[in-house]
Amino acid sequence: MKFMDEKLLDLKGMSCPLPVLKANRFLREMPPGSRLRVLATDRASIGDFQAYCRETGHSLLAWSEDGGVCSFLIRRHTDNAEHTRS
């Protein structure tokens, strides 16, 4: 099921750290609570997106890999302030 507020960012072929950096820039422009699906082919993206979401407060709702393409579904955090770690 694709939600109306879900955007797709195709970053296949880019190497670490570009997928996370580009996704971060894209997420900053999205409204709180919206979803971003990122497609990437760099296997390092798996750990990168897990760490990125942990550090920023965004939610990594799901990730999968099919045929060498990783798909990440991220929900932008709903807090308007920047996420800070305690």
N, C-alpha and C. Protein backbone atom coordinates (compact mmCIF):
# COMPACT_ATOMS: atom_id res chain seq x y z
N MET A 1 0.85 -1.18 0.00
CA MET A 1 0.00 0.00 0.00
C MET A 1 0.89 1.24 0.00
N LYS A 2 0.62 2.16 -0.90
CA LYS A 2 1.39 3.39 -0.99
C LYS A 2 0.55 4.54 -0.46
N PHE A 3 1.09 5.26 0.51
CA PHE A 3 0.39 6.39 1.10
C PHE A 3 0.59 7.62 0.23
N MET A 4 -0.41 8.52 0.29
CA MET A 4 -0.35 9.71 -0.54
C MET A 4 0.86 10.58 -0.19
N ASP A 5 1.29 10.54 1.06
CA ASP A 5 2.40 11.38 1.46
C ASP A 5 3.74 10.67 1.33
N GLU A 6 3.76 9.54 0.62
CA GLU A 6 5.01 8.81 0.42
C GLU A 6 5.69 9.27 -0.87
N LYS A 7 6.96 9.65 -0.74
CA LYS A 7 7.76 10.06 -1.90
C LYS A 7 8.79 8.99 -2.18
N LEU A 8 9.22 8.90 -3.42
CA LEU A 8 10.22 7.92 -3.83
C LEU A 8 11.49 8.64 -4.23
N LEU A 9 12.61 8.16 -3.69
CA LEU A 9 13.92 8.72 -4.02
C LEU A 9 14.78 7.57 -4.53
N ASP A 10 15.08 7.58 -5.82
CA ASP A 10 15.85 6.51 -6.46
C ASP A 10 17.33 6.89 -6.46
N LEU A 11 18.10 6.22 -5.62
CA LEU A 11 19.53 6.52 -5.50
C LEU A 11 20.38 5.33 -5.91
N LYS A 12 19.83 4.47 -6.76
CA LYS A 12 20.57 3.30 -7.22
C LYS A 12 21.83 3.75 -7.95
N GLY A 13 22.92 3.02 -7.70
CA GLY A 13 24.19 3.31 -8.35
C GLY A 13 25.08 4.27 -7.58
N MET A 14 24.56 4.90 -6.54
CA MET A 14 25.37 5.81 -5.73
C MET A 14 26.04 5.04 -4.60
N SER A 15 27.26 5.46 -4.27
CA SER A 15 28.02 4.81 -3.21
C SER A 15 27.94 5.60 -1.91
N CYS A 16 28.18 4.90 -0.82
CA CYS A 16 28.22 5.47 0.52
C CYS A 16 29.20 6.65 0.53
N PRO A 17 28.86 7.75 1.13
CA PRO A 17 27.70 8.05 1.96
C PRO A 17 26.59 8.79 1.21
N LEU A 18 26.66 8.86 -0.12
CA LEU A 18 25.71 9.68 -0.88
C LEU A 18 24.24 9.31 -0.66
N PRO A 19 23.84 8.03 -0.61
CA PRO A 19 22.41 7.76 -0.40
C PRO A 19 21.85 8.40 0.88
N VAL A 20 22.58 8.29 1.98
CA VAL A 20 22.10 8.87 3.24
C VAL A 20 22.12 10.40 3.18
N LEU A 21 23.16 10.97 2.60
CA LEU A 21 23.25 12.43 2.52
C LEU A 21 22.11 13.00 1.67
N LYS A 22 21.84 12.37 0.54
CA LYS A 22 20.76 12.86 -0.33
C LYS A 22 19.39 12.65 0.31
N ALA A 23 19.21 11.51 0.99
CA ALA A 23 17.94 11.26 1.68
C ALA A 23 17.74 12.29 2.80
N ASN A 24 18.80 12.61 3.51
CA ASN A 24 18.71 13.61 4.58
C ASN A 24 18.25 14.95 4.04
N ARG A 25 18.86 15.38 2.94
CA ARG A 25 18.48 16.66 2.32
C ARG A 25 17.01 16.63 1.90
N PHE A 26 16.57 15.51 1.33
CA PHE A 26 15.20 15.37 0.87
C PHE A 26 14.23 15.39 2.05
N LEU A 27 14.56 14.65 3.13
CA LEU A 27 13.69 14.58 4.30
C LEU A 27 13.51 15.94 4.96
N ARG A 28 14.54 16.75 4.95
CA ARG A 28 14.43 18.08 5.57
C ARG A 28 13.35 18.93 4.93
N GLU A 29 13.08 18.69 3.66
CA GLU A 29 12.07 19.47 2.93
C GLU A 29 10.67 18.88 3.05
N MET A 30 10.55 17.70 3.62
CA MET A 30 9.26 17.03 3.71
C MET A 30 8.54 17.41 5.00
N PRO A 31 7.21 17.39 4.99
CA PRO A 31 6.48 17.71 6.21
C PRO A 31 6.64 16.60 7.26
N PRO A 32 6.58 16.96 8.54
CA PRO A 32 6.67 15.96 9.60
C PRO A 32 5.63 14.86 9.43
N GLY A 33 6.05 13.63 9.69
CA GLY A 33 5.15 12.48 9.58
C GLY A 33 5.06 11.88 8.19
N SER A 34 5.60 12.55 7.19
CA SER A 34 5.52 12.01 5.83
C SER A 34 6.54 10.89 5.65
N ARG A 35 6.36 10.11 4.59
CA ARG A 35 7.17 8.92 4.35
C ARG A 35 8.01 9.09 3.10
N LEU A 36 9.23 8.56 3.19
CA LEU A 36 10.15 8.56 2.06
C LEU A 36 10.62 7.14 1.82
N ARG A 37 10.45 6.67 0.59
CA ARG A 37 10.99 5.37 0.20
C ARG A 37 12.25 5.64 -0.60
N VAL A 38 13.36 5.05 -0.14
CA VAL A 38 14.67 5.22 -0.78
C VAL A 38 15.08 3.90 -1.40
N LEU A 39 15.51 3.94 -2.66
CA LEU A 39 16.06 2.77 -3.34
C LEU A 39 17.56 2.97 -3.49
N ALA A 40 18.34 1.98 -3.08
CA ALA A 40 19.80 2.08 -3.16
C ALA A 40 20.38 0.72 -3.50
N THR A 41 21.53 0.73 -4.16
CA THR A 41 22.19 -0.53 -4.52
C THR A 41 23.46 -0.77 -3.71
N ASP A 42 23.91 0.20 -2.96
CA ASP A 42 25.10 0.03 -2.12
C ASP A 42 24.70 -0.69 -0.83
N ARG A 43 25.26 -1.90 -0.63
CA ARG A 43 24.89 -2.69 0.55
C ARG A 43 25.26 -1.98 1.86
N ALA A 44 26.20 -1.08 1.84
CA ALA A 44 26.55 -0.31 3.04
C ALA A 44 25.38 0.56 3.49
N SER A 45 24.44 0.80 2.59
CA SER A 45 23.27 1.61 2.92
C SER A 45 22.43 1.00 4.03
N ILE A 46 22.46 -0.31 4.14
CA ILE A 46 21.64 -0.97 5.17
C ILE A 46 22.03 -0.46 6.55
N GLY A 47 23.29 -0.59 6.90
CA GLY A 47 23.76 -0.09 8.19
C GLY A 47 23.70 1.42 8.28
N ASP A 48 23.97 2.09 7.17
CA ASP A 48 23.95 3.56 7.17
C ASP A 48 22.57 4.10 7.51
N PHE A 49 21.52 3.56 6.88
CA PHE A 49 20.17 4.07 7.15
C PHE A 49 19.69 3.69 8.54
N GLN A 50 20.09 2.52 9.05
CA GLN A 50 19.72 2.15 10.42
C GLN A 50 20.34 3.15 11.40
N ALA A 51 21.62 3.44 11.25
CA ALA A 51 22.30 4.39 12.14
C ALA A 51 21.75 5.80 11.96
N TYR A 52 21.51 6.20 10.73
CA TYR A 52 20.98 7.54 10.44
C TYR A 52 19.64 7.75 11.15
N CYS A 53 18.75 6.78 11.05
CA CYS A 53 17.43 6.92 11.69
C CYS A 53 17.56 6.93 13.21
N ARG A 54 18.43 6.11 13.74
CA ARG A 54 18.66 6.11 15.19
C ARG A 54 19.14 7.47 15.67
N GLU A 55 20.05 8.07 14.92
CA GLU A 55 20.65 9.34 15.32
C GLU A 55 19.74 10.55 15.10
N THR A 56 18.88 10.51 14.11
CA THR A 56 18.06 11.68 13.78
C THR A 56 16.65 11.64 14.36
N GLY A 57 16.21 10.46 14.78
CA GLY A 57 14.85 10.35 15.30
C GLY A 57 13.81 10.02 14.25
N HIS A 58 14.23 9.90 12.98
CA HIS A 58 13.31 9.43 11.95
C HIS A 58 13.06 7.94 12.19
N SER A 59 11.94 7.43 11.72
CA SER A 59 11.61 6.02 11.91
C SER A 59 11.91 5.22 10.65
N LEU A 60 12.72 4.20 10.79
CA LEU A 60 12.94 3.26 9.69
C LEU A 60 11.83 2.23 9.81
N LEU A 61 10.75 2.42 9.05
CA LEU A 61 9.57 1.58 9.16
C LEU A 61 9.79 0.19 8.60
N ALA A 62 10.57 0.11 7.52
CA ALA A 62 10.82 -1.19 6.90
C ALA A 62 12.00 -1.05 5.95
N TRP A 63 12.68 -2.16 5.74
CA TRP A 63 13.69 -2.22 4.69
C TRP A 63 13.71 -3.63 4.15
N SER A 64 14.08 -3.73 2.89
CA SER A 64 14.15 -5.04 2.24
C SER A 64 15.19 -4.96 1.13
N GLU A 65 15.56 -6.14 0.64
CA GLU A 65 16.49 -6.21 -0.48
C GLU A 65 15.95 -7.20 -1.48
N ASP A 66 15.94 -6.81 -2.74
CA ASP A 66 15.44 -7.69 -3.79
C ASP A 66 16.28 -7.45 -5.04
N GLY A 67 16.95 -8.47 -5.49
CA GLY A 67 17.74 -8.36 -6.71
C GLY A 67 18.85 -7.34 -6.64
N GLY A 68 19.44 -7.16 -5.45
CA GLY A 68 20.52 -6.20 -5.30
C GLY A 68 20.08 -4.77 -5.05
N VAL A 69 18.77 -4.54 -4.99
CA VAL A 69 18.24 -3.20 -4.71
C VAL A 69 17.65 -3.20 -3.30
N CYS A 70 18.17 -2.31 -2.47
CA CYS A 70 17.65 -2.15 -1.11
C CYS A 70 16.57 -1.07 -1.13
N SER A 71 15.50 -1.34 -0.41
CA SER A 71 14.40 -0.39 -0.29
C SER A 71 14.23 -0.04 1.19
N PHE A 72 14.22 1.25 1.49
CA PHE A 72 14.07 1.73 2.86
C PHE A 72 12.84 2.62 2.93
N LEU A 73 11.98 2.36 3.90
CA LEU A 73 10.81 3.22 4.11
C LEU A 73 11.04 3.98 5.41
N ILE A 74 11.15 5.29 5.29
CA ILE A 74 11.47 6.15 6.43
C ILE A 74 10.33 7.13 6.65
N ARG A 75 9.93 7.27 7.93
CA ARG A 75 8.93 8.29 8.28
C ARG A 75 9.68 9.43 8.97
N ARG A 76 9.49 10.63 8.45
CA ARG A 76 10.13 11.81 9.03
C ARG A 76 9.57 12.02 10.43
N HIS A 77 10.45 12.36 11.37
CA HIS A 77 9.98 12.56 12.74
C HIS A 77 8.97 13.69 12.78
N THR A 78 8.08 13.63 13.76
CA THR A 78 6.98 14.60 13.84
C THR A 78 7.32 15.80 14.68
N ASP A 79 8.42 15.75 15.42
CA ASP A 79 8.84 16.89 16.23
C ASP A 79 9.43 17.94 15.31
N ASN A 80 8.96 19.16 15.40
CA ASN A 80 9.48 20.24 14.54
C ASN A 80 10.88 20.66 14.92
N ALA A 81 11.27 20.43 16.17
CA ALA A 81 12.63 20.77 16.61
C ALA A 81 13.58 19.69 16.14
N GLU A 82 14.84 20.02 16.05
CA GLU A 82 15.85 19.03 15.68
C GLU A 82 15.92 17.97 16.77
N HIS A 83 16.10 16.73 16.36
CA HIS A 83 16.19 15.62 17.30
C HIS A 83 17.54 15.67 18.00
N THR A 84 17.50 15.53 19.30
CA THR A 84 18.75 15.47 20.05
C THR A 84 18.77 14.22 20.88
N ARG A 85 19.94 13.64 21.02
CA ARG A 85 20.08 12.42 21.82
C ARG A 85 20.32 12.81 23.27
N SER A 86 19.74 12.03 24.19
CA SER A 86 19.95 12.28 25.61
C SER A 86 21.26 11.71 26.06
